[in-house]
């Protein structure tokens, strides 16, 4: 009796799944047939973007896939991207929160790269742009710090006196020293433990955001103590420990008209926008997150990006509005 009931439930579910899928996708571009529970996850897998390229060869430059977190249009050329993001930007604005995992957890929907188009987003983007402008000096300052960092790196290598050393470690710490000085006004030495922790963050963060992980497509996996979730918790712990401390320090020591680093520039611009905008639009007070990451802010560290291409971003600034 129980078996018959389970079979009947399964039949009803499969029938409902394909009927609802047809209803959603009948006016959308063609795409691979999804399976119950997993959708097209078995075809996307962990081999992104190559798996999506294989589907493009079969279904064309514009096709539809279904995943447990939603239905998605896959665009595969510049013309389609131009039409979707520029010509018809209002039709395609906004982001499905689940589709942004793990960025929605890491950035808490307070950044400018992974959030929906809205009034808070527009204010946040304005604050971000103005803060970089206010900080000023830009290329000349970046060049000077790169020269100093290069000199310090050569001196550090010279002190090894022929002993073996890790060039990867030295370059990683040099990157962190430059960016910490620029973004939070701290000048660290090579032997300080915080640099090892930030490099660990950098490496673990790369694992967490790597495309194709099952946790991105199957939300129920996030409730299990998997190695991936342990990595995610480690990233969040380092973020809160380092960034939370830096934020609190800057809020307590900030003085009007004195810009020590980019964090101060963000605080100054936030104050300026807070006076101009409705409090309901911009928020009732400070909740500025300084989030280490590997994304965006290439405008801020253009010189560093050219020298250390793999470590484009050390700190992602977001403003909760």
C-alpha atoms as a PDB file:
ATOM      1  CA  UNK A   1       0.000   0.000   0.000  1.00  0.00           C
ATOM      2  CA  UNK A   2       2.770   2.425   0.950  1.00  0.00           C
ATOM      3  CA  UNK A   3       4.667   1.601  -2.236  1.00  0.00           C
ATOM      4  CA  UNK A   4       1.617   2.310  -4.378  1.00  0.00           C
ATOM      5  CA  UNK A   5       1.116   5.679  -2.670  1.00  0.00           C
ATOM      6  CA  UNK A   6       4.754   6.615  -3.227  1.00  0.00           C
ATOM      7  CA  UNK A   7       4.544   5.634  -6.896  1.00  0.00           C
ATOM      8  CA  UNK A   8       1.365   7.687  -7.281  1.00  0.00           C
ATOM      9  CA  UNK A   9       3.025  10.714  -5.644  1.00  0.00           C
ATOM     10  CA  UNK A  10       6.030  10.315  -7.933  1.00  0.00           C
ATOM     11  CA  UNK A  11       3.799  10.196 -11.009  1.00  0.00           C
ATOM     12  CA  UNK A  12       1.919  13.310  -9.924  1.00  0.00           C
ATOM     13  CA  UNK A  13       5.172  15.142  -9.198  1.00  0.00           C
ATOM     14  CA  UNK A  14       6.764  14.281 -12.545  1.00  0.00           C
ATOM     15  CA  UNK A  15       3.572  15.292 -14.365  1.00  0.00           C
ATOM     16  CA  UNK A  16       3.385  18.573 -12.446  1.00  0.00           C
ATOM     17  CA  UNK A  17       7.088  19.243 -13.039  1.00  0.00           C
ATOM     18  CA  UNK A  18       6.903  18.932 -16.816  1.00  0.00           C
ATOM     19  CA  UNK A  19       3.631  20.838 -17.061  1.00  0.00           C
ATOM     20  CA  UNK A  20       4.997  23.734 -15.009  1.00  0.00           C
ATOM     21  CA  UNK A  21       8.284  23.635 -16.936  1.00  0.00           C
ATOM     22  CA  UNK A  22       6.376  23.831 -20.217  1.00  0.00           C
ATOM     23  CA  UNK A  23       4.326  26.763 -18.912  1.00  0.00           C
ATOM     24  CA  UNK A  24       7.441  28.680 -17.916  1.00  0.00           C
ATOM     25  CA  UNK A  25       9.582  27.864 -20.938  1.00  0.00           C
ATOM     26  CA  UNK A  26       7.092  27.785 -23.808  1.00  0.00           C
ATOM     27  CA  UNK A  27       7.775  31.448 -24.706  1.00  0.00           C
ATOM     28  CA  UNK A  28      11.499  31.226 -24.007  1.00  0.00           C
ATOM     29  CA  UNK A  29      14.296  30.088 -26.341  1.00  0.00           C
ATOM     30  CA  UNK A  30      14.772  26.352 -26.711  1.00  0.00           C
ATOM     31  CA  UNK A  31      17.124  24.469 -24.461  1.00  0.00           C
ATOM     32  CA  UNK A  32      17.947  21.018 -23.083  1.00  0.00           C
ATOM     33  CA  UNK A  33      15.123  19.061 -21.451  1.00  0.00           C
ATOM     34  CA  UNK A  34      15.402  19.298 -17.649  1.00  0.00           C
ATOM     35  CA  UNK A  35      15.001  16.386 -15.248  1.00  0.00           C
ATOM     36  CA  UNK A  36      12.818  16.446 -12.103  1.00  0.00           C
ATOM     37  CA  UNK A  37      14.593  17.649  -8.940  1.00  0.00           C
ATOM     38  CA  UNK A  38      17.907  18.527 -10.635  1.00  0.00           C
ATOM     39  CA  UNK A  39      16.793  20.316 -13.812  1.00  0.00           C
ATOM     40  CA  UNK A  40      19.756  20.637 -16.200  1.00  0.00           C
ATOM     41  CA  UNK A  41      22.341  20.477 -13.441  1.00  0.00           C
ATOM     42  CA  UNK A  42      23.608  17.128 -14.744  1.00  0.00           C
ATOM     43  CA  UNK A  43      24.427  18.841 -18.079  1.00  0.00           C
ATOM     44  CA  UNK A  44      25.958  21.967 -16.554  1.00  0.00           C
ATOM     45  CA  UNK A  45      27.932  20.185 -13.845  1.00  0.00           C
ATOM     46  CA  UNK A  46      31.259  21.481 -12.578  1.00  0.00           C
ATOM     47  CA  UNK A  47      32.882  21.992 -15.982  1.00  0.00           C
ATOM     48  CA  UNK A  48      31.675  25.563 -16.495  1.00  0.00           C
ATOM     49  CA  UNK A  49      32.093  27.323 -18.925  1.00  0.00           C
ATOM     50  CA  UNK A  50      32.951  24.377 -21.188  1.00  0.00           C
ATOM     51  CA  UNK A  51      29.686  22.566 -20.474  1.00  0.00           C
ATOM     52  CA  UNK A  52      27.747  25.707 -21.452  1.00  0.00           C
ATOM     53  CA  UNK A  53      29.805  25.918 -24.649  1.00  0.00           C
ATOM     54  CA  UNK A  54      28.825  22.351 -25.491  1.00  0.00           C
ATOM     55  CA  UNK A  55      25.171  23.290 -25.071  1.00  0.00           C
ATOM     56  CA  UNK A  56      25.698  26.376 -27.251  1.00  0.00           C
ATOM     57  CA  UNK A  57      26.903  24.208 -30.113  1.00  0.00           C
ATOM     58  CA  UNK A  58      23.648  22.274 -29.947  1.00  0.00           C
ATOM     59  CA  UNK A  59      21.092  24.994 -29.144  1.00  0.00           C
ATOM     60  CA  UNK A  60      22.671  28.186 -30.470  1.00  0.00           C
ATOM     61  CA  UNK A  61      23.855  31.442 -28.947  1.00  0.00           C
ATOM     62  CA  UNK A  62      20.656  31.932 -26.929  1.00  0.00           C
ATOM     63  CA  UNK A  63      19.118  29.048 -25.023  1.00  0.00           C
ATOM     64  CA  UNK A  64      17.302  28.257 -21.775  1.00  0.00           C
ATOM     65  CA  UNK A  65      18.298  26.000 -18.904  1.00  0.00           C
ATOM     66  CA  UNK A  66      16.461  25.074 -15.716  1.00  0.00           C
ATOM     67  CA  UNK A  67      18.113  24.550 -12.349  1.00  0.00           C
ATOM     68  CA  UNK A  68      16.708  23.963  -8.856  1.00  0.00           C
ATOM     69  CA  UNK A  69      17.306  27.673  -8.162  1.00  0.00           C
ATOM     70  CA  UNK A  70      15.446  28.956 -11.240  1.00  0.00           C
ATOM     71  CA  UNK A  71      15.189  29.223 -15.013  1.00  0.00           C
ATOM     72  CA  UNK A  72      17.968  31.053 -16.874  1.00  0.00           C
ATOM     73  CA  UNK A  73      18.666  32.447 -20.329  1.00  0.00           C
ATOM     74  CA  UNK A  74      22.222  31.796 -21.471  1.00  0.00           C
ATOM     75  CA  UNK A  75      23.678  34.488 -23.764  1.00  0.00           C
ATOM     76  CA  UNK A  76      26.763  33.582 -25.736  1.00  0.00           C
ATOM     77  CA  UNK A  77      27.816  36.582 -27.810  1.00  0.00           C
ATOM     78  CA  UNK A  78      28.491  40.285 -27.433  1.00  0.00           C
ATOM     79  CA  UNK A  79      25.489  41.396 -29.484  1.00  0.00           C
ATOM     80  CA  UNK A  80      23.040  39.570 -27.228  1.00  0.00           C
ATOM     81  CA  UNK A  81      24.756  40.921 -24.125  1.00  0.00           C
ATOM     82  CA  UNK A  82      24.563  44.447 -25.553  1.00  0.00           C
ATOM     83  CA  UNK A  83      20.848  44.071 -26.212  1.00  0.00           C
ATOM     84  CA  UNK A  84      20.078  42.564 -22.810  1.00  0.00           C
ATOM     85  CA  UNK A  85      22.203  44.833 -20.624  1.00  0.00           C
ATOM     86  CA  UNK A  86      22.018  48.107 -22.561  1.00  0.00           C
ATOM     87  CA  UNK A  87      19.192  48.261 -25.106  1.00  0.00           C
ATOM     88  CA  UNK A  88      16.695  46.394 -22.893  1.00  0.00           C
ATOM     89  CA  UNK A  89      18.327  46.966 -19.537  1.00  0.00           C
ATOM     90  CA  UNK A  90      14.999  47.639 -17.778  1.00  0.00           C
ATOM     91  CA  UNK A  91      13.600  44.279 -18.898  1.00  0.00           C
ATOM     92  CA  UNK A  92      16.673  42.417 -17.688  1.00  0.00           C
ATOM     93  CA  UNK A  93      17.469  44.375 -14.542  1.00  0.00           C
ATOM     94  CA  UNK A  94      17.443  42.671 -11.165  1.00  0.00           C
ATOM     95  CA  UNK A  95      18.966  39.470  -9.866  1.00  0.00           C
ATOM     96  CA  UNK A  96      17.427  36.326  -8.426  1.00  0.00           C
ATOM     97  CA  UNK A  97      18.937  36.117  -4.963  1.00  0.00           C
ATOM     98  CA  UNK A  98      19.522  32.359  -5.065  1.00  0.00           C
ATOM     99  CA  UNK A  99      21.330  32.655  -8.393  1.00  0.00           C
ATOM    100  CA  UNK A 100      23.951  34.898  -6.761  1.00  0.00           C
ATOM    101  CA  UNK A 101      25.160  32.320  -4.218  1.00  0.00           C
ATOM    102  CA  UNK A 102      27.726  32.534  -2.692  1.00  0.00           C
ATOM    103  CA  UNK A 103      28.064  36.258  -3.499  1.00  0.00           C
ATOM    104  CA  UNK A 104      24.758  37.061  -1.791  1.00  0.00           C
ATOM    105  CA  UNK A 105      26.210  35.553   1.407  1.00  0.00           C
ATOM    106  CA  UNK A 106      29.668  37.075   1.072  1.00  0.00           C
ATOM    107  CA  UNK A 107      28.512  40.565   0.100  1.00  0.00           C
ATOM    108  CA  UNK A 108      25.127  40.400   1.881  1.00  0.00           C
ATOM    109  CA  UNK A 109      23.478  42.139  -1.112  1.00  0.00           C
ATOM    110  CA  UNK A 110      25.299  45.370  -0.227  1.00  0.00           C
ATOM    111  CA  UNK A 111      27.739  45.576  -3.132  1.00  0.00           C
ATOM    112  CA  UNK A 112      27.419  47.027  -6.632  1.00  0.00           C
ATOM    113  CA  UNK A 113      28.296  43.933  -8.619  1.00  0.00           C
ATOM    114  CA  UNK A 114      25.728  41.407  -7.422  1.00  0.00           C
ATOM    115  CA  UNK A 115      22.614  43.324  -6.493  1.00  0.00           C
ATOM    116  CA  UNK A 116      19.353  44.393  -8.105  1.00  0.00           C
ATOM    117  CA  UNK A 117      18.855  47.694  -9.885  1.00  0.00           C
ATOM    118  CA  UNK A 118      17.109  49.940  -7.355  1.00  0.00           C
ATOM    119  CA  UNK A 119      17.301  53.326  -5.663  1.00  0.00           C
ATOM    120  CA  UNK A 120      19.698  52.036  -2.965  1.00  0.00           C
ATOM    121  CA  UNK A 121      21.863  50.491  -5.679  1.00  0.00           C
ATOM    122  CA  UNK A 122      22.057  53.775  -7.599  1.00  0.00           C
ATOM    123  CA  UNK A 123      23.048  55.678  -4.450  1.00  0.00           C
ATOM    124  CA  UNK A 124      25.584  53.008  -3.539  1.00  0.00           C
ATOM    125  CA  UNK A 125      27.108  53.182  -7.004  1.00  0.00           C
ATOM    126  CA  UNK A 126      27.302  56.985  -6.790  1.00  0.00           C
ATOM    127  CA  UNK A 127      29.005  56.804  -3.402  1.00  0.00           C
ATOM    128  CA  UNK A 128      31.459  54.230  -4.729  1.00  0.00           C
ATOM    129  CA  UNK A 129      32.371  56.308  -7.785  1.00  0.00           C
ATOM    130  CA  UNK A 130      32.669  59.591  -5.896  1.00  0.00           C
ATOM    131  CA  UNK A 131      34.765  58.012  -3.139  1.00  0.00           C
ATOM    132  CA  UNK A 132      37.352  56.802  -5.627  1.00  0.00           C
ATOM    133  CA  UNK A 133      37.429  60.274  -7.165  1.00  0.00           C
ATOM    134  CA  UNK A 134      37.753  61.999  -3.792  1.00  0.00           C
ATOM    135  CA  UNK A 135      40.612  59.756  -2.756  1.00  0.00           C
ATOM    136  CA  UNK A 136      42.396  61.233  -5.764  1.00  0.00           C
ATOM    137  CA  UNK A 137      46.055  60.994  -6.712  1.00  0.00           C
ATOM    138  CA  UNK A 138      45.320  57.682  -8.412  1.00  0.00           C
ATOM    139  CA  UNK A 139      47.961  56.658 -10.934  1.00  0.00           C
ATOM    140  CA  UNK A 140      50.863  58.639  -9.468  1.00  0.00           C
ATOM    141  CA  UNK A 141      50.211  57.270  -5.989  1.00  0.00           C
ATOM    142  CA  UNK A 142      49.847  53.738  -7.343  1.00  0.00           C
ATOM    143  CA  UNK A 143      53.121  54.043  -9.258  1.00  0.00           C
ATOM    144  CA  UNK A 144      54.973  55.346  -6.191  1.00  0.00           C
ATOM    145  CA  UNK A 145      53.696  52.543  -3.982  1.00  0.00           C
ATOM    146  CA  UNK A 146      54.517  49.929  -6.586  1.00  0.00           C
ATOM    147  CA  UNK A 147      58.074  51.219  -6.835  1.00  0.00           C
ATOM    148  CA  UNK A 148      58.432  51.147  -3.043  1.00  0.00           C
ATOM    149  CA  UNK A 149      56.912  47.689  -2.826  1.00  0.00           C
ATOM    150  CA  UNK A 150      59.235  46.406  -5.566  1.00  0.00           C
ATOM    151  CA  UNK A 151      62.232  47.801  -3.708  1.00  0.00           C
ATOM    152  CA  UNK A 152      61.116  46.194  -0.444  1.00  0.00           C
ATOM    153  CA  UNK A 153      60.526  42.898  -2.219  1.00  0.00           C
ATOM    154  CA  UNK A 154      64.032  42.904  -3.696  1.00  0.00           C
ATOM    155  CA  UNK A 155      65.493  43.671  -0.281  1.00  0.00           C
ATOM    156  CA  UNK A 156      63.485  40.815   1.232  1.00  0.00           C
ATOM    157  CA  UNK A 157      64.768  38.428  -1.427  1.00  0.00           C
ATOM    158  CA  UNK A 158      68.320  39.700  -0.928  1.00  0.00           C
ATOM    159  CA  UNK A 159      68.172  38.849   2.772  1.00  0.00           C
ATOM    160  CA  UNK A 160      67.602  35.178   1.986  1.00  0.00           C
ATOM    161  CA  UNK A 161      71.356  34.919   1.227  1.00  0.00           C
ATOM    162  CA  UNK A 162      70.895  32.049  -1.169  1.00  0.00           C
ATOM    163  CA  UNK A 163      68.473  30.106   1.027  1.00  0.00           C
ATOM    164  CA  UNK A 164      65.404  28.653  -0.733  1.00  0.00           C
ATOM    165  CA  UNK A 165      62.215  30.725  -0.504  1.00  0.00           C
ATOM    166  CA  UNK A 166      58.717  30.778  -1.982  1.00  0.00           C
ATOM    167  CA  UNK A 167      58.350  33.449  -4.667  1.00  0.00           C
ATOM    168  CA  UNK A 168      54.595  32.899  -4.626  1.00  0.00           C
ATOM    169  CA  UNK A 169      54.489  33.712  -0.923  1.00  0.00           C
ATOM    170  CA  UNK A 170      56.593  36.848  -1.323  1.00  0.00           C
ATOM    171  CA  UNK A 171      54.530  38.140  -4.246  1.00  0.00           C
ATOM    172  CA  UNK A 172      51.301  37.401  -2.400  1.00  0.00           C
ATOM    173  CA  UNK A 173      52.419  39.295   0.675  1.00  0.00           C
ATOM    174  CA  UNK A 174      53.671  42.190  -1.441  1.00  0.00           C
ATOM    175  CA  UNK A 175      50.235  42.480  -3.037  1.00  0.00           C
ATOM    176  CA  UNK A 176      48.538  42.445   0.344  1.00  0.00           C
ATOM    177  CA  UNK A 177      50.900  45.078   1.754  1.00  0.00           C
ATOM    178  CA  UNK A 178      50.210  47.455  -1.143  1.00  0.00           C
ATOM    179  CA  UNK A 179      46.447  47.044  -0.994  1.00  0.00           C
ATOM    180  CA  UNK A 180      46.195  47.260   2.783  1.00  0.00           C
ATOM    181  CA  UNK A 181      48.139  50.504   2.733  1.00  0.00           C
ATOM    182  CA  UNK A 182      45.931  51.931   0.015  1.00  0.00           C
ATOM    183  CA  UNK A 183      42.565  50.725   1.223  1.00  0.00           C
ATOM    184  CA  UNK A 184      42.812  50.787   5.022  1.00  0.00           C
ATOM    185  CA  UNK A 185      45.947  52.862   5.617  1.00  0.00           C
ATOM    186  CA  UNK A 186      47.925  50.066   7.290  1.00  0.00           C
ATOM    187  CA  UNK A 187      51.610  49.421   6.553  1.00  0.00           C
ATOM    188  CA  UNK A 188      52.366  45.787   7.322  1.00  0.00           C
ATOM    189  CA  UNK A 189      55.704  44.000   7.388  1.00  0.00           C
ATOM    190  CA  UNK A 190      56.313  40.696   5.638  1.00  0.00           C
ATOM    191  CA  UNK A 191      56.496  38.768   8.916  1.00  0.00           C
ATOM    192  CA  UNK A 192      53.152  39.908  10.368  1.00  0.00           C
ATOM    193  CA  UNK A 193      50.666  37.029  10.895  1.00  0.00           C
ATOM    194  CA  UNK A 194      47.767  39.063   9.474  1.00  0.00           C
ATOM    195  CA  UNK A 195      49.289  38.755   6.002  1.00  0.00           C
ATOM    196  CA  UNK A 196      49.240  34.960   6.233  1.00  0.00           C
ATOM    197  CA  UNK A 197      45.591  35.102   7.257  1.00  0.00           C
ATOM    198  CA  UNK A 198      44.688  37.413   4.367  1.00  0.00           C
ATOM    199  CA  UNK A 199      46.513  35.183   1.891  1.00  0.00           C
ATOM    200  CA  UNK A 200      44.620  32.205   3.309  1.00  0.00           C
ATOM    201  CA  UNK A 201      41.422  34.184   2.821  1.00  0.00           C
ATOM    202  CA  UNK A 202      42.400  34.864  -0.780  1.00  0.00           C
ATOM    203  CA  UNK A 203      42.986  31.181  -1.491  1.00  0.00           C
ATOM    204  CA  UNK A 204      39.849  29.927   0.274  1.00  0.00           C
ATOM    205  CA  UNK A 205      37.738  32.640  -1.345  1.00  0.00           C
ATOM    206  CA  UNK A 206      38.886  31.389  -4.761  1.00  0.00           C
ATOM    207  CA  UNK A 207      37.642  27.906  -3.834  1.00  0.00           C
ATOM    208  CA  UNK A 208      34.275  29.223  -2.632  1.00  0.00           C
ATOM    209  CA  UNK A 209      33.509  31.212  -5.799  1.00  0.00           C
ATOM    210  CA  UNK A 210      34.842  28.610  -8.241  1.00  0.00           C
ATOM    211  CA  UNK A 211      32.126  28.043 -10.890  1.00  0.00           C
ATOM    212  CA  UNK A 212      30.240  24.783 -11.085  1.00  0.00           C
ATOM    213  CA  UNK A 213      30.162  23.745  -7.434  1.00  0.00           C
ATOM    214  CA  UNK A 214      27.080  21.680  -6.599  1.00  0.00           C
ATOM    215  CA  UNK A 215      26.217  24.016  -3.711  1.00  0.00           C
ATOM    216  CA  UNK A 216      25.575  26.791  -6.239  1.00  0.00           C
ATOM    217  CA  UNK A 217      22.783  24.828  -7.925  1.00  0.00           C
ATOM    218  CA  UNK A 218      21.439  22.533  -5.187  1.00  0.00           C
ATOM    219  CA  UNK A 219      20.472  24.735  -2.220  1.00  0.00           C
ATOM    220  CA  UNK A 220      19.710  21.852   0.144  1.00  0.00           C
ATOM    221  CA  UNK A 221      23.435  20.976   0.230  1.00  0.00           C
ATOM    222  CA  UNK A 222      24.092  24.221   2.114  1.00  0.00           C
ATOM    223  CA  UNK A 223      22.479  22.765   5.225  1.00  0.00           C
ATOM    224  CA  UNK A 224      25.037  19.952   5.500  1.00  0.00           C
ATOM    225  CA  UNK A 225      28.527  20.189   7.096  1.00  0.00           C
ATOM    226  CA  UNK A 226      30.352  19.712   3.807  1.00  0.00           C
ATOM    227  CA  UNK A 227      33.959  20.829   3.139  1.00  0.00           C
ATOM    228  CA  UNK A 228      32.583  23.590   0.909  1.00  0.00           C
ATOM    229  CA  UNK A 229      30.453  25.042   3.729  1.00  0.00           C
ATOM    230  CA  UNK A 230      33.465  24.870   6.043  1.00  0.00           C
ATOM    231  CA  UNK A 231      35.419  26.935   3.520  1.00  0.00           C
ATOM    232  CA  UNK A 232      32.566  29.430   3.313  1.00  0.00           C
ATOM    233  CA  UNK A 233      32.434  29.800   7.091  1.00  0.00           C
ATOM    234  CA  UNK A 234      36.193  30.347   7.198  1.00  0.00           C
ATOM    235  CA  UNK A 235      35.885  33.135   4.620  1.00  0.00           C
ATOM    236  CA  UNK A 236      33.109  34.794   6.620  1.00  0.00           C
ATOM    237  CA  UNK A 237      35.065  34.511   9.884  1.00  0.00           C
ATOM    238  CA  UNK A 238      38.177  36.157   8.421  1.00  0.00           C
ATOM    239  CA  UNK A 239      36.000  38.788   6.766  1.00  0.00           C
ATOM    240  CA  UNK A 240      34.274  39.700  10.003  1.00  0.00           C
ATOM    241  CA  UNK A 241      37.461  39.608  12.062  1.00  0.00           C
ATOM    242  CA  UNK A 242      39.645  41.738   9.808  1.00  0.00           C
ATOM    243  CA  UNK A 243      37.096  43.928   8.043  1.00  0.00           C
ATOM    244  CA  UNK A 244      34.937  44.447  11.093  1.00  0.00           C
ATOM    245  CA  UNK A 245      37.906  45.670  13.087  1.00  0.00           C
ATOM    246  CA  UNK A 246      39.074  48.000  10.323  1.00  0.00           C
ATOM    247  CA  UNK A 247      35.597  49.420   9.863  1.00  0.00           C
ATOM    248  CA  UNK A 248      35.138  50.083  13.556  1.00  0.00           C
ATOM    249  CA  UNK A 249      38.552  51.738  13.775  1.00  0.00           C
ATOM    250  CA  UNK A 250      37.821  54.058  10.859  1.00  0.00           C
ATOM    251  CA  UNK A 251      34.398  55.032  12.159  1.00  0.00           C
ATOM    252  CA  UNK A 252      35.880  55.890  15.559  1.00  0.00           C
ATOM    253  CA  UNK A 253      38.877  57.847  14.252  1.00  0.00           C
ATOM    254  CA  UNK A 254      37.459  59.501  11.131  1.00  0.00           C
ATOM    255  CA  UNK A 255      37.682  63.307  11.012  1.00  0.00           C
ATOM    256  CA  UNK A 256      35.892  65.517   8.508  1.00  0.00           C
ATOM    257  CA  UNK A 257      38.116  66.727   5.699  1.00  0.00           C
ATOM    258  CA  UNK A 258      40.953  64.272   6.411  1.00  0.00           C
ATOM    259  CA  UNK A 259      41.138  61.386   3.942  1.00  0.00           C
ATOM    260  CA  UNK A 260      43.730  58.827   5.038  1.00  0.00           C
ATOM    261  CA  UNK A 261      42.690  56.022   2.725  1.00  0.00           C
ATOM    262  CA  UNK A 262      39.825  54.818   0.553  1.00  0.00           C
ATOM    263  CA  UNK A 263      37.788  53.753   3.585  1.00  0.00           C
ATOM    264  CA  UNK A 264      37.777  57.366   4.801  1.00  0.00           C
ATOM    265  CA  UNK A 265      36.742  58.458   1.312  1.00  0.00           C
ATOM    266  CA  UNK A 266      33.760  56.110   1.486  1.00  0.00           C
ATOM    267  CA  UNK A 267      32.743  57.429   4.891  1.00  0.00           C
ATOM    268  CA  UNK A 268      32.992  61.020   3.644  1.00  0.00           C
ATOM    269  CA  UNK A 269      30.883  60.328   0.581  1.00  0.00           C
ATOM    270  CA  UNK A 270      28.340  58.381   2.584  1.00  0.00           C
ATOM    271  CA  UNK A 271      27.913  61.363   4.910  1.00  0.00           C
ATOM    272  CA  UNK A 272      27.473  63.631   1.907  1.00  0.00           C
ATOM    273  CA  UNK A 273      24.830  61.445   0.280  1.00  0.00           C
ATOM    274  CA  UNK A 274      23.071  60.857   3.589  1.00  0.00           C
ATOM    275  CA  UNK A 275      22.486  64.598   3.893  1.00  0.00           C
ATOM    276  CA  UNK A 276      21.074  64.829   0.366  1.00  0.00           C
ATOM    277  CA  UNK A 277      18.937  61.716   0.117  1.00  0.00           C
ATOM    278  CA  UNK A 278      15.844  60.536   1.905  1.00  0.00           C
ATOM    279  CA  UNK A 279      16.799  58.445   4.931  1.00  0.00           C
ATOM    280  CA  UNK A 280      14.430  55.708   3.744  1.00  0.00           C
ATOM    281  CA  UNK A 281      16.421  55.423   0.513  1.00  0.00           C
ATOM    282  CA  UNK A 282      19.949  55.529   1.839  1.00  0.00           C
ATOM    283  CA  UNK A 283      19.495  54.043   5.296  1.00  0.00           C
ATOM    284  CA  UNK A 284      19.399  55.275   8.850  1.00  0.00           C
ATOM    285  CA  UNK A 285      23.126  55.191   9.563  1.00  0.00           C
ATOM    286  CA  UNK A 286      26.456  53.514   8.935  1.00  0.00           C
ATOM    287  CA  UNK A 287      26.723  49.917   8.040  1.00  0.00           C
ATOM    288  CA  UNK A 288      29.669  49.975   5.685  1.00  0.00           C
ATOM    289  CA  UNK A 289      31.255  46.617   4.993  1.00  0.00           C
ATOM    290  CA  UNK A 290      34.854  46.352   3.843  1.00  0.00           C
ATOM    291  CA  UNK A 291      34.833  42.960   2.220  1.00  0.00           C
ATOM    292  CA  UNK A 292      38.043  41.265   1.088  1.00  0.00           C
ATOM    293  CA  UNK A 293      37.550  39.497  -2.189  1.00  0.00           C
ATOM    294  CA  UNK A 294      38.767  38.804  -5.701  1.00  0.00           C
ATOM    295  CA  UNK A 295      36.226  40.887  -7.566  1.00  0.00           C
ATOM    296  CA  UNK A 296      35.710  44.372  -9.003  1.00  0.00           C
ATOM    297  CA  UNK A 297      37.485  47.578  -7.983  1.00  0.00           C
ATOM    298  CA  UNK A 298      39.874  47.295 -10.951  1.00  0.00           C
ATOM    299  CA  UNK A 299      39.520  51.064 -11.324  1.00  0.00           C
ATOM    300  CA  UNK A 300      40.919  51.506  -7.838  1.00  0.00           C
ATOM    301  CA  UNK A 301      44.003  49.364  -8.271  1.00  0.00           C
ATOM    302  CA  UNK A 302      44.724  49.653 -11.993  1.00  0.00           C
ATOM    303  CA  UNK A 303      48.481  49.680 -11.469  1.00  0.00           C
ATOM    304  CA  UNK A 304      48.376  46.741  -9.089  1.00  0.00           C
ATOM    305  CA  UNK A 305      46.168  44.833 -11.500  1.00  0.00           C
ATOM    306  CA  UNK A 306      48.773  45.106 -14.253  1.00  0.00           C
ATOM    307  CA  UNK A 307      51.525  43.768 -11.986  1.00  0.00           C
ATOM    308  CA  UNK A 308      49.532  41.123 -10.100  1.00  0.00           C
ATOM    309  CA  UNK A 309      46.801  40.091 -12.511  1.00  0.00           C
ATOM    310  CA  UNK A 310      45.595  37.054 -10.562  1.00  0.00           C
ATOM    311  CA  UNK A 311      44.991  39.089  -7.396  1.00  0.00           C
ATOM    312  CA  UNK A 312      42.858  41.851  -8.850  1.00  0.00           C
ATOM    313  CA  UNK A 313      40.955  42.658  -5.756  1.00  0.00           C
ATOM    314  CA  UNK A 314      41.841  42.555  -2.116  1.00  0.00           C
ATOM    315  CA  UNK A 315      39.058  44.610  -0.647  1.00  0.00           C
ATOM    316  CA  UNK A 316      35.519  45.025  -1.946  1.00  0.00           C
ATOM    317  CA  UNK A 317      33.812  48.065  -0.548  1.00  0.00           C
ATOM    318  CA  UNK A 318      30.069  47.892  -0.080  1.00  0.00           C
ATOM    319  CA  UNK A 319      27.651  50.241   1.534  1.00  0.00           C
ATOM    320  CA  UNK A 320      24.471  49.000   3.150  1.00  0.00           C
ATOM    321  CA  UNK A 321      21.739  51.402   2.199  1.00  0.00           C
END
